[in-house]
Protein backbone atom coordinates (compact mmCIF):
# COMPACT_ATOMS: atom_id res chain seq x y z
CA TRP A 1 -33.01 6.48 -24.10
CA LEU A 2 -29.61 5.25 -22.94
CA ARG A 3 -30.62 1.62 -23.50
CA SER A 4 -31.63 2.41 -27.06
CA MET A 5 -28.23 3.99 -27.73
CA LEU A 6 -26.11 1.19 -26.21
CA GLY A 7 -25.86 -2.42 -27.27
CA PRO A 8 -26.26 -5.33 -24.80
CA HIS A 9 -22.52 -5.63 -24.14
CA ALA A 10 -22.14 -1.91 -23.49
CA GLN A 11 -25.14 -1.98 -21.14
CA TRP A 12 -23.65 -4.92 -19.24
CA ALA A 13 -20.27 -3.19 -19.04
CA LEU A 14 -21.87 0.00 -17.74
CA GLY A 15 -23.88 -1.90 -15.15
CA SER A 16 -20.83 -3.91 -14.04
CA SER A 17 -18.76 -0.77 -13.65
CA ALA A 18 -21.51 0.86 -11.61
CA LEU A 19 -21.67 -2.18 -9.29
CA GLY A 20 -17.89 -2.24 -8.95
CA VAL A 21 -17.76 1.44 -8.00
CA LEU A 22 -20.69 1.02 -5.61
CA LEU A 23 -18.96 -1.90 -3.91
CA ALA A 24 -15.75 0.11 -3.55
CA TRP A 25 -17.65 3.11 -2.16
CA HIS A 26 -19.43 0.91 0.37
CA GLY A 27 -16.12 -0.65 1.45
CA HIS A 28 -14.47 2.74 1.90
CA ARG A 29 -17.46 4.14 3.77
CA ARG A 30 -17.46 1.14 6.14
CA LYS A 31 -13.68 1.42 6.58
CA SER A 32 -13.17 -2.04 5.10
CA LEU A 33 -11.02 -0.39 2.43
CA SER A 34 -8.55 2.48 2.45
CA ALA A 35 -8.74 5.09 -0.32
CA SER A 36 -6.21 3.15 -2.44
CA GLY A 37 -7.97 -0.10 -1.63
CA ALA A 38 -11.28 1.32 -2.80
CA ALA A 39 -9.73 2.41 -6.10
CA ALA A 40 -8.31 -1.08 -6.67
CA ALA A 41 -11.61 -2.69 -5.62
CA ALA A 42 -13.53 -0.60 -8.15
CA VAL A 43 -11.35 -1.97 -10.96
CA VAL A 44 -11.28 -5.65 -9.96
CA GLY A 45 -14.94 -5.49 -8.96
CA SER A 46 -15.99 -4.11 -12.34
CA LEU A 47 -13.95 -6.71 -14.24
CA THR A 48 -15.26 -9.60 -12.16
CA MET A 49 -18.89 -8.47 -12.40
CA TYR A 50 -18.58 -8.06 -16.15
CA ALA A 51 -17.33 -11.64 -16.53
CA GLY A 52 -20.67 -13.05 -15.33
CA LEU A 53 -23.11 -13.38 -12.48
CA VAL A 54 -21.48 -16.49 -11.05
CA PHE A 55 -18.10 -14.74 -10.75
CA GLY A 56 -19.66 -11.57 -9.37
CA THR A 57 -21.66 -13.48 -6.75
CA VAL A 58 -18.50 -15.15 -5.44
CA LEU A 59 -16.78 -11.78 -5.17
CA LEU A 60 -19.71 -10.34 -3.21
CA THR A 61 -19.72 -13.36 -0.91
CA MET A 62 -16.00 -12.93 -0.28
CA TYR A 63 -16.35 -9.21 0.41
CA PHE A 64 -19.37 -9.19 2.72
CA LEU A 65 -18.47 -12.26 4.80
CA GLY A 66 -14.81 -11.24 5.05
CA SER A 67 -15.70 -7.70 6.10
CA ARG A 68 -18.18 -8.94 8.67
CA ALA A 69 -15.68 -11.38 10.17
CA THR A 70 -13.05 -8.63 10.41
CA ARG A 71 -15.37 -6.53 12.58
CA LEU A 72 -16.20 -9.31 15.03
CA GLY A 73 -14.36 -9.01 18.34
CA ALA A 74 -12.70 -5.74 17.29
CA GLU A 75 -11.80 -4.71 20.84
CA ARG A 76 -10.08 -8.01 21.56
CA LYS A 77 -8.23 -7.92 18.24
CA LEU A 78 -6.94 -4.43 19.01
CA ARG A 79 -5.45 -5.78 22.24
CA LEU A 80 -3.88 -8.84 20.60
CA ASP A 81 -2.78 -7.75 17.12
CA ALA A 82 -0.61 -4.68 16.52
CA SER A 83 -1.53 -4.58 12.82
CA TYR A 84 -5.30 -4.73 13.31
CA LYS A 85 -7.21 -1.74 11.96
CA GLN A 86 -10.84 -0.93 12.71
CA GLY A 87 -12.91 -2.40 9.88
CA GLY A 88 -9.84 -3.74 8.08
CA GLN A 89 -8.97 -0.71 5.93
CA ARG A 90 -7.28 -2.92 3.33
CA SER A 91 -4.85 -1.22 0.95
CA TRP A 92 -4.60 -1.53 -2.82
CA ALA A 93 -1.87 -4.17 -2.44
CA GLN A 94 -4.05 -6.29 -0.16
CA VAL A 95 -7.03 -5.96 -2.51
CA LEU A 96 -4.99 -7.00 -5.55
CA CYS A 97 -3.41 -9.92 -3.68
CA VAL A 98 -6.80 -11.42 -2.78
CA SER A 99 -8.81 -10.53 -5.89
CA GLY A 100 -6.52 -9.41 -8.72
CA ILE A 101 -5.78 -12.89 -10.08
CA PRO A 102 -9.43 -14.05 -9.86
CA ALA A 103 -10.47 -10.92 -11.77
CA ALA A 104 -7.95 -11.81 -14.50
CA ILE A 105 -9.17 -15.43 -14.57
CA ALA A 106 -12.80 -14.34 -14.83
CA SER A 107 -11.96 -11.87 -17.61
CA LEU A 108 -10.05 -14.53 -19.54
CA HIS A 109 -12.98 -16.94 -19.21
CA ALA A 110 -15.43 -14.28 -20.39
CA ALA A 111 -13.28 -13.53 -23.44
CA ALA A 112 -12.90 -17.19 -24.41
CA ASN A 113 -16.37 -18.37 -23.41
CA PRO A 114 -19.20 -15.89 -24.01
CA ASN A 115 -21.57 -18.35 -22.33
CA GLY A 116 -20.30 -18.25 -18.74
CA PHE A 117 -22.02 -21.51 -17.82
CA ASP A 118 -19.99 -23.64 -20.24
CA GLY A 119 -17.25 -24.28 -17.74
CA LEU A 120 -19.68 -25.01 -14.94
CA CYS A 121 -21.24 -27.87 -16.88
CA ALA A 122 -17.95 -29.47 -17.98
CA SER A 123 -15.95 -32.09 -16.08
CA HIS A 124 -12.67 -30.89 -17.57
CA GLY A 125 -11.22 -28.68 -20.28
CA PRO A 126 -10.05 -25.05 -20.53
CA ALA A 127 -13.35 -23.50 -19.41
CA ALA A 128 -13.73 -25.86 -16.45
CA SER A 129 -10.10 -25.25 -15.48
CA LEU A 130 -10.65 -21.50 -15.32
CA HIS A 131 -13.75 -21.95 -13.19
CA GLY A 132 -11.85 -24.32 -10.91
CA ALA A 133 -8.93 -21.92 -10.49
CA PHE A 134 -11.29 -19.02 -9.77
CA LEU A 135 -13.28 -21.02 -7.23
CA ALA A 136 -10.21 -22.47 -5.48
CA PHE A 137 -8.53 -19.05 -5.23
CA PHE A 138 -11.50 -17.36 -3.61
CA ALA A 139 -12.27 -20.38 -1.40
CA CYS A 140 -8.72 -20.16 -0.11
CA GLY A 141 -8.98 -16.40 0.36
CA LEU A 142 -12.27 -16.48 2.25
CA GLY A 143 -11.27 -19.61 4.19
CA ASP A 144 -8.07 -17.94 5.35
CA THR A 145 -9.87 -14.70 6.24
CA LEU A 146 -12.46 -16.49 8.37
CA ALA A 147 -9.81 -18.71 9.96
CA SER A 148 -7.71 -15.68 10.91
CA GLU A 149 -10.51 -13.37 12.01
CA LEU A 150 -12.52 -15.99 13.92
CA GLY A 151 -9.68 -18.24 15.06
CA VAL A 152 -8.06 -15.40 17.02
CA LEU A 153 -11.27 -15.18 19.09
CA SER A 154 -11.01 -18.82 20.19
CA ASN A 155 -10.63 -19.54 23.90
CA ALA A 156 -8.20 -22.32 23.01
CA THR A 157 -4.49 -21.49 22.81
CA PRO A 158 -3.23 -21.67 19.20
CA ARG A 159 -0.50 -24.12 18.26
CA LEU A 160 2.16 -23.38 15.66
CA ILE A 161 1.53 -25.63 12.67
CA THR A 162 5.21 -26.53 12.22
CA THR A 163 6.18 -27.50 15.79
CA TRP A 164 2.78 -27.74 17.54
CA ARG A 165 4.02 -25.57 20.42
CA ARG A 166 1.64 -23.10 22.02
CA VAL A 167 1.82 -19.54 20.69
CA PRO A 168 -0.06 -16.28 21.40
CA PRO A 169 -3.35 -15.65 19.53
CA GLY A 170 -2.69 -13.86 16.25
CA THR A 171 0.65 -15.55 15.59
CA ASN A 172 1.20 -16.30 11.89
CA GLY A 173 0.91 -20.05 11.44
CA GLY A 174 -0.97 -20.56 14.70
CA VAL A 175 -3.96 -22.89 14.32
CA THR A 176 -7.04 -23.68 16.40
CA ALA A 177 -10.01 -25.98 15.93
CA LEU A 178 -12.26 -22.94 15.55
CA GLY A 179 -10.01 -21.46 12.87
CA THR A 180 -9.86 -24.71 10.93
CA ALA A 181 -13.65 -25.08 11.04
CA ALA A 182 -14.00 -21.46 9.93
CA SER A 183 -11.79 -22.12 6.89
CA ALA A 184 -14.08 -24.97 5.81
CA LEU A 185 -17.07 -22.68 6.35
CA GLY A 186 -15.45 -20.19 3.98
CA GLY A 187 -15.18 -22.86 1.30
CA LEU A 188 -18.83 -23.79 1.77
CA ALA A 189 -19.90 -20.16 1.56
CA VAL A 190 -18.08 -19.70 -1.75
CA LEU A 191 -19.54 -23.00 -2.99
CA LEU A 192 -23.08 -21.75 -2.40
CA SER A 193 -22.46 -19.19 -5.14
CA TYR A 194 -21.82 -22.01 -7.60
CA ILE A 195 -24.51 -24.52 -6.58
CA PRO A 196 -27.59 -22.96 -8.27
CA ALA A 197 -26.02 -23.12 -11.74
CA SER A 198 -23.89 -26.26 -11.34
CA TRP A 199 -26.63 -28.37 -9.75
CA ALA A 200 -28.68 -28.29 -12.96
CA CYS A 201 -25.62 -29.63 -14.81
CA GLY A 202 -25.00 -32.40 -12.31
CA ARG A 203 -21.61 -30.90 -11.36
CA ALA A 204 -22.31 -29.69 -7.83
CA SER A 205 -20.17 -32.41 -6.24
CA GLN A 206 -17.23 -31.48 -8.49
CA TRP A 207 -17.29 -27.85 -7.42
CA ALA A 208 -17.87 -28.84 -3.78
CA ALA A 209 -14.59 -30.78 -3.87
CA VAL A 210 -12.77 -27.83 -5.47
CA ALA A 211 -14.14 -25.34 -2.92
CA LEU A 212 -13.29 -27.48 0.10
CA TRP A 213 -9.85 -28.23 -1.33
CA GLY A 214 -9.19 -24.55 -1.88
CA ALA A 215 -10.37 -23.55 1.59
CA VAL A 216 -8.85 -26.26 3.80
CA ALA A 217 -5.65 -27.04 1.87
CA GLY A 218 -5.13 -23.37 1.10
CA CYS A 219 -5.54 -22.38 4.73
CA ALA A 220 -3.08 -25.08 5.85
CA LEU A 221 -0.58 -23.91 3.25
CA ASP A 222 -1.09 -20.29 4.31
CA SER A 223 -0.38 -21.28 7.92
CA LEU A 224 2.74 -23.18 6.90
CA LEU A 225 4.10 -20.24 4.91
CA GLY A 226 3.15 -17.84 7.69
CA ALA A 227 4.92 -19.92 10.32
CA THR A 228 8.14 -20.16 8.34
CA LEU A 229 8.46 -17.20 5.96
CA GLN A 230 6.58 -14.48 7.86
CA HIS A 231 7.94 -12.88 11.01
CA SER A 232 5.89 -13.03 14.21
CA GLY A 233 6.93 -11.32 17.42
CA THR A 234 5.51 -9.32 20.31
CA ASP A 235 5.83 -5.56 20.72
CA ARG A 236 6.18 -3.48 23.90
CA GLN A 237 2.46 -3.83 24.63
CA GLY A 238 2.61 -7.60 24.28
CA ARG A 239 0.68 -7.57 21.01
CA VAL A 240 1.61 -9.87 18.13
CA THR A 241 3.25 -8.04 15.22
CA ASP A 242 4.81 -9.02 11.92
CA ASP A 243 6.99 -5.89 11.97
CA LYS A 244 10.46 -7.14 12.85
CA ALA A 245 11.64 -3.65 13.79
CA ALA A 246 8.85 -3.28 16.35
CA SER A 247 9.31 -6.75 17.85
CA MET A 248 10.73 -7.06 21.33
CA LYS A 249 10.51 -10.86 21.38
CA HIS A 250 10.64 -13.27 18.44
CA ILE A 251 7.96 -15.96 18.23
CA SER A 252 8.42 -17.65 14.87
CA GLY A 253 9.27 -17.28 11.20
CA PHE A 254 11.69 -15.29 9.07
CA ALA A 255 10.86 -11.86 7.64
CA VAL A 256 10.71 -13.03 4.02
CA LEU A 257 7.07 -12.49 3.01
CA SER A 258 4.42 -9.98 4.05
CA ASN A 259 0.97 -11.15 5.07
CA ALA A 260 -0.44 -10.11 1.68
CA ALA A 261 2.32 -12.05 -0.11
CA VAL A 262 1.59 -15.17 1.95
CA ASN A 263 -2.10 -14.90 1.05
CA LEU A 264 -1.27 -14.46 -2.61
CA ALA A 265 1.16 -17.38 -2.70
CA SER A 266 -1.11 -19.88 -0.94
CA ALA A 267 -4.20 -18.98 -2.99
CA SER A 268 -2.22 -19.04 -6.25
CA ILE A 269 -0.85 -22.51 -5.52
CA VAL A 270 -4.23 -24.11 -4.77
CA ALA A 271 -5.73 -22.34 -7.80
CA ALA A 272 -2.93 -23.68 -10.02
CA VAL A 273 -3.51 -27.21 -8.73
CA ALA A 274 -7.25 -26.95 -9.43
CA PHE A 275 -6.52 -25.59 -12.92
CA LEU A 276 -4.19 -28.47 -13.76
CA VAL A 277 -6.44 -31.20 -12.35
CA LEU A 278 -9.42 -29.99 -14.40
CA GLN A 279 -7.49 -29.69 -17.67
């Protein structure tokens, strides 16, 4: 009876909201999200899902792969990183930094282009630019998450991207071959969400380039910002921390940006570049 009372758009909105809330509940239950993070995830999840299946699939890919990577090697991460929390437990600020802008982009595209596949099948133009910005942002976000969460587990000693000197695992701006490969894997994972629809339009190679650009270039930019504008030090237990007050020994960077701000800045820049190139 509910379907007979609601129009197609209302039904889609109701279903999108239900999926957004379910995703947030799952994240909170698995300790991937704090209470505030779950509230923020419910909002951005609902908006992104409502914008279309392609956008929603990318969000789900980002969430599940990122959450899984965060749990890998938890015991080792607890020993190395003072800020590591079991499961991630991301706050509302962290959620908005990695998914707030994409939710706004997806919503803007949905409002301007009722047919969500228009942008996927175009080589350039406003719709294609919005798709490109969305894809690049999330490719950067997932690429950076996998690089950070998997790179810290590498047996190789990280090197600071600015000076190439050896630094402790978990240092902001520290890079390894495993971390770099993981960032590219993140771009490929996000791309897989776009391939089914874009392949039929003959645009798969276009979105592959955008995804890899967002992941690899975005991760390199994130490392550069982290090495210079984010504090890294070691605390009394020898763990890496970005809390300057808790640091006993400075490793690199100035305490200008938080980790969430670095993520937001790097993803926003690669998304802006993708948007402009596809205009």
